[in-house]
Structures are given as C-alpha cells and as structure tokens.
Amino acid sequence: MINKILERGFIALAAYSYIFALISLILFVVAVVANAFIKNGKFDVVEIRKLLFNNMIFMLVFALLDYFLV
C-alpha cells in the first residue's frame, strides 16, 4: 500500500516537474530569440537559466528517489 502511494506521488511530482521544465525551456528560448531581435538585452536570460537548471536538479533528485525507494 505504501509503495502504491509513493509510486503515484513520485509520478505526479515527475509530471509537474516535466511541465515546469518545459515551460522554463520555452521561456528561455523565447527570451534568447527576443534579446537577439531587440539587441538591447531586455530579458534576463541568466535568471531563466537558473530556474531551468534548478528544476532539472529537482527532477534528478526525484528520479533518484524513485529509483532507490520504489
């Protein structure tokens, strides 16, 4: 019973992490393209990159927990 709860919980966390990573990646690509066209550097690409990499680290942690616990 606990394994089923853990399995469903990790699947839900992984799904939300993937969606958030996809949104972060889209924001990063849009910001880079917009900065290239504007030539002014209006968007802070470094902050979006930090957000994307933090999310990737959380996904790695969830994947490792899922592998070793379930």
N, C-alpha and C. Protein backbone atom coordinates (compact mmCIF):
# COMPACT_ATOMS: atom_id res chain seq x y z
N MET A 1 0.83 -1.19 0.00
CA MET A 1 0.00 0.00 0.00
C MET A 1 0.88 1.26 0.00
N ILE A 2 1.90 1.26 0.82
CA ILE A 2 2.79 2.42 0.88
C ILE A 2 3.53 2.58 -0.44
N ASN A 3 3.90 1.45 -1.06
CA ASN A 3 4.59 1.54 -2.35
C ASN A 3 3.70 2.15 -3.42
N LYS A 4 2.40 1.83 -3.40
CA LYS A 4 1.49 2.41 -4.40
C LYS A 4 1.36 3.91 -4.20
N ILE A 5 1.26 4.33 -2.94
CA ILE A 5 1.16 5.77 -2.65
C ILE A 5 2.43 6.48 -3.07
N LEU A 6 3.58 5.90 -2.73
CA LEU A 6 4.85 6.51 -3.13
C LEU A 6 4.99 6.55 -4.64
N GLU A 7 4.58 5.47 -5.30
CA GLU A 7 4.70 5.41 -6.76
C GLU A 7 3.84 6.48 -7.42
N ARG A 8 2.61 6.63 -6.97
CA ARG A 8 1.73 7.65 -7.56
C ARG A 8 2.21 9.05 -7.22
N GLY A 9 2.72 9.23 -6.02
CA GLY A 9 3.22 10.55 -5.63
C GLY A 9 4.42 10.97 -6.45
N PHE A 10 5.34 10.04 -6.68
CA PHE A 10 6.52 10.37 -7.48
C PHE A 10 6.15 10.59 -8.94
N ILE A 11 5.15 9.86 -9.44
CA ILE A 11 4.70 10.08 -10.81
C ILE A 11 4.10 11.47 -10.94
N ALA A 12 3.30 11.88 -9.96
CA ALA A 12 2.71 13.21 -10.01
C ALA A 12 3.78 14.30 -9.91
N LEU A 13 4.75 14.12 -9.01
CA LEU A 13 5.83 15.09 -8.90
C LEU A 13 6.66 15.15 -10.17
N ALA A 14 6.90 14.01 -10.76
CA ALA A 14 7.67 13.98 -12.01
C ALA A 14 6.90 14.68 -13.13
N ALA A 15 5.60 14.48 -13.19
CA ALA A 15 4.81 15.13 -14.23
C ALA A 15 4.83 16.64 -14.07
N TYR A 16 4.64 17.12 -12.84
CA TYR A 16 4.68 18.56 -12.62
C TYR A 16 6.08 19.12 -12.90
N SER A 17 7.11 18.37 -12.57
CA SER A 17 8.47 18.83 -12.85
C SER A 17 8.73 18.92 -14.34
N TYR A 18 8.25 17.93 -15.09
CA TYR A 18 8.44 17.96 -16.54
C TYR A 18 7.69 19.13 -17.18
N ILE A 19 6.48 19.38 -16.72
CA ILE A 19 5.71 20.51 -17.25
C ILE A 19 6.41 21.82 -16.94
N PHE A 20 6.88 21.96 -15.71
CA PHE A 20 7.57 23.19 -15.32
C PHE A 20 8.87 23.36 -16.10
N ALA A 21 9.59 22.26 -16.33
CA ALA A 21 10.83 22.33 -17.11
C ALA A 21 10.54 22.72 -18.55
N LEU A 22 9.47 22.20 -19.11
CA LEU A 22 9.11 22.55 -20.47
C LEU A 22 8.75 24.03 -20.58
N ILE A 23 8.00 24.54 -19.61
CA ILE A 23 7.66 25.97 -19.61
C ILE A 23 8.92 26.82 -19.45
N SER A 24 9.82 26.40 -18.56
CA SER A 24 11.07 27.15 -18.37
C SER A 24 11.92 27.14 -19.63
N LEU A 25 11.98 26.00 -20.31
CA LEU A 25 12.75 25.91 -21.55
C LEU A 25 12.16 26.80 -22.63
N ILE A 26 10.85 26.82 -22.74
CA ILE A 26 10.19 27.69 -23.72
C ILE A 26 10.46 29.15 -23.40
N LEU A 27 10.37 29.52 -22.12
CA LEU A 27 10.68 30.90 -21.73
C LEU A 27 12.13 31.26 -22.06
N PHE A 28 13.05 30.34 -21.84
CA PHE A 28 14.46 30.59 -22.13
C PHE A 28 14.67 30.82 -23.63
N VAL A 29 14.08 29.97 -24.45
CA VAL A 29 14.24 30.10 -25.90
C VAL A 29 13.62 31.40 -26.39
N VAL A 30 12.43 31.73 -25.90
CA VAL A 30 11.77 32.98 -26.30
C VAL A 30 12.60 34.18 -25.87
N ALA A 31 13.16 34.15 -24.68
CA ALA A 31 13.97 35.27 -24.19
C ALA A 31 15.24 35.44 -25.02
N VAL A 32 15.88 34.34 -25.37
CA VAL A 32 17.10 34.43 -26.18
C VAL A 32 16.79 34.99 -27.57
N VAL A 33 15.71 34.50 -28.17
CA VAL A 33 15.33 34.99 -29.50
C VAL A 33 14.92 36.45 -29.44
N ALA A 34 14.16 36.82 -28.42
CA ALA A 34 13.73 38.22 -28.28
C ALA A 34 14.93 39.13 -28.04
N ASN A 35 15.88 38.70 -27.22
CA ASN A 35 17.08 39.51 -27.00
C ASN A 35 17.90 39.66 -28.28
N ALA A 36 17.90 38.62 -29.11
CA ALA A 36 18.65 38.71 -30.37
C ALA A 36 18.00 39.71 -31.32
N PHE A 37 16.68 39.77 -31.33
CA PHE A 37 15.99 40.70 -32.22
C PHE A 37 16.00 42.13 -31.68
N ILE A 38 15.87 42.28 -30.36
CA ILE A 38 15.79 43.62 -29.77
C ILE A 38 17.17 44.28 -29.70
N LYS A 39 18.21 43.49 -29.51
CA LYS A 39 19.60 43.96 -29.39
C LYS A 39 19.83 44.80 -28.14
N ASN A 40 18.91 44.74 -27.20
CA ASN A 40 19.03 45.56 -26.00
C ASN A 40 19.20 44.70 -24.76
N GLY A 41 18.92 43.43 -24.83
CA GLY A 41 19.01 42.57 -23.66
C GLY A 41 17.92 42.87 -22.65
N LYS A 42 16.69 42.95 -23.13
CA LYS A 42 15.57 43.30 -22.26
C LYS A 42 15.25 42.19 -21.25
N PHE A 43 15.42 40.95 -21.64
CA PHE A 43 15.09 39.82 -20.78
C PHE A 43 16.35 39.30 -20.09
N ASP A 44 16.21 38.96 -18.81
CA ASP A 44 17.33 38.44 -18.03
C ASP A 44 17.42 36.93 -18.24
N VAL A 45 18.25 36.52 -19.17
CA VAL A 45 18.37 35.12 -19.54
C VAL A 45 19.03 34.31 -18.42
N VAL A 46 19.88 34.94 -17.64
CA VAL A 46 20.59 34.23 -16.57
C VAL A 46 19.61 33.72 -15.52
N GLU A 47 18.63 34.51 -15.17
CA GLU A 47 17.64 34.08 -14.17
C GLU A 47 16.78 32.94 -14.69
N ILE A 48 16.41 33.02 -15.96
CA ILE A 48 15.62 31.93 -16.54
C ILE A 48 16.45 30.66 -16.61
N ARG A 49 17.74 30.79 -16.93
CA ARG A 49 18.63 29.62 -16.97
C ARG A 49 18.78 29.02 -15.58
N LYS A 50 18.90 29.85 -14.54
CA LYS A 50 18.98 29.34 -13.17
C LYS A 50 17.71 28.57 -12.81
N LEU A 51 16.56 29.11 -13.19
CA LEU A 51 15.29 28.45 -12.92
C LEU A 51 15.22 27.10 -13.62
N LEU A 52 15.66 27.06 -14.87
CA LEU A 52 15.65 25.81 -15.63
C LEU A 52 16.59 24.78 -15.00
N PHE A 53 17.80 25.18 -14.65
CA PHE A 53 18.75 24.23 -14.07
C PHE A 53 18.32 23.77 -12.68
N ASN A 54 17.72 24.64 -11.89
CA ASN A 54 17.20 24.21 -10.58
C ASN A 54 16.12 23.17 -10.76
N ASN A 55 15.26 23.38 -11.74
CA ASN A 55 14.21 22.40 -11.99
C ASN A 55 14.80 21.08 -12.47
N MET A 56 15.84 21.13 -13.29
CA MET A 56 16.48 19.91 -13.75
C MET A 56 17.12 19.15 -12.58
N ILE A 57 17.68 19.88 -11.62
CA ILE A 57 18.27 19.25 -10.44
C ILE A 57 17.18 18.58 -9.60
N PHE A 58 16.02 19.25 -9.43
CA PHE A 58 14.92 18.63 -8.70
C PHE A 58 14.43 17.37 -9.42
N MET A 59 14.38 17.41 -10.74
CA MET A 59 13.96 16.22 -11.49
C MET A 59 14.96 15.08 -11.29
N LEU A 60 16.24 15.40 -11.24
CA LEU A 60 17.26 14.38 -10.99
C LEU A 60 17.08 13.77 -9.60
N VAL A 61 16.82 14.61 -8.61
CA VAL A 61 16.61 14.11 -7.24
C VAL A 61 15.37 13.22 -7.18
N PHE A 62 14.27 13.64 -7.83
CA PHE A 62 13.07 12.82 -7.84
C PHE A 62 13.31 11.50 -8.56
N ALA A 63 14.08 11.53 -9.65
CA ALA A 63 14.37 10.29 -10.38
C ALA A 63 15.20 9.34 -9.52
N LEU A 64 16.18 9.88 -8.81
CA LEU A 64 16.99 9.03 -7.93
C LEU A 64 16.17 8.47 -6.78
N LEU A 65 15.31 9.31 -6.19
CA LEU A 65 14.44 8.81 -5.12
C LEU A 65 13.49 7.74 -5.64
N ASP A 66 12.95 7.95 -6.82
CA ASP A 66 12.05 6.98 -7.41
C ASP A 66 12.78 5.67 -7.69
N TYR A 67 14.00 5.76 -8.15
CA TYR A 67 14.77 4.55 -8.47
C TYR A 67 15.13 3.76 -7.21
N PHE A 68 15.55 4.46 -6.17
CA PHE A 68 16.04 3.76 -4.99
C PHE A 68 14.94 3.42 -3.97
N LEU A 69 13.84 4.16 -3.96
CA LEU A 69 12.82 3.91 -2.95
C LEU A 69 11.67 3.04 -3.44
N VAL A 70 11.36 3.11 -4.71
CA VAL A 70 10.19 2.36 -5.20
C VAL A 70 10.64 1.14 -5.96
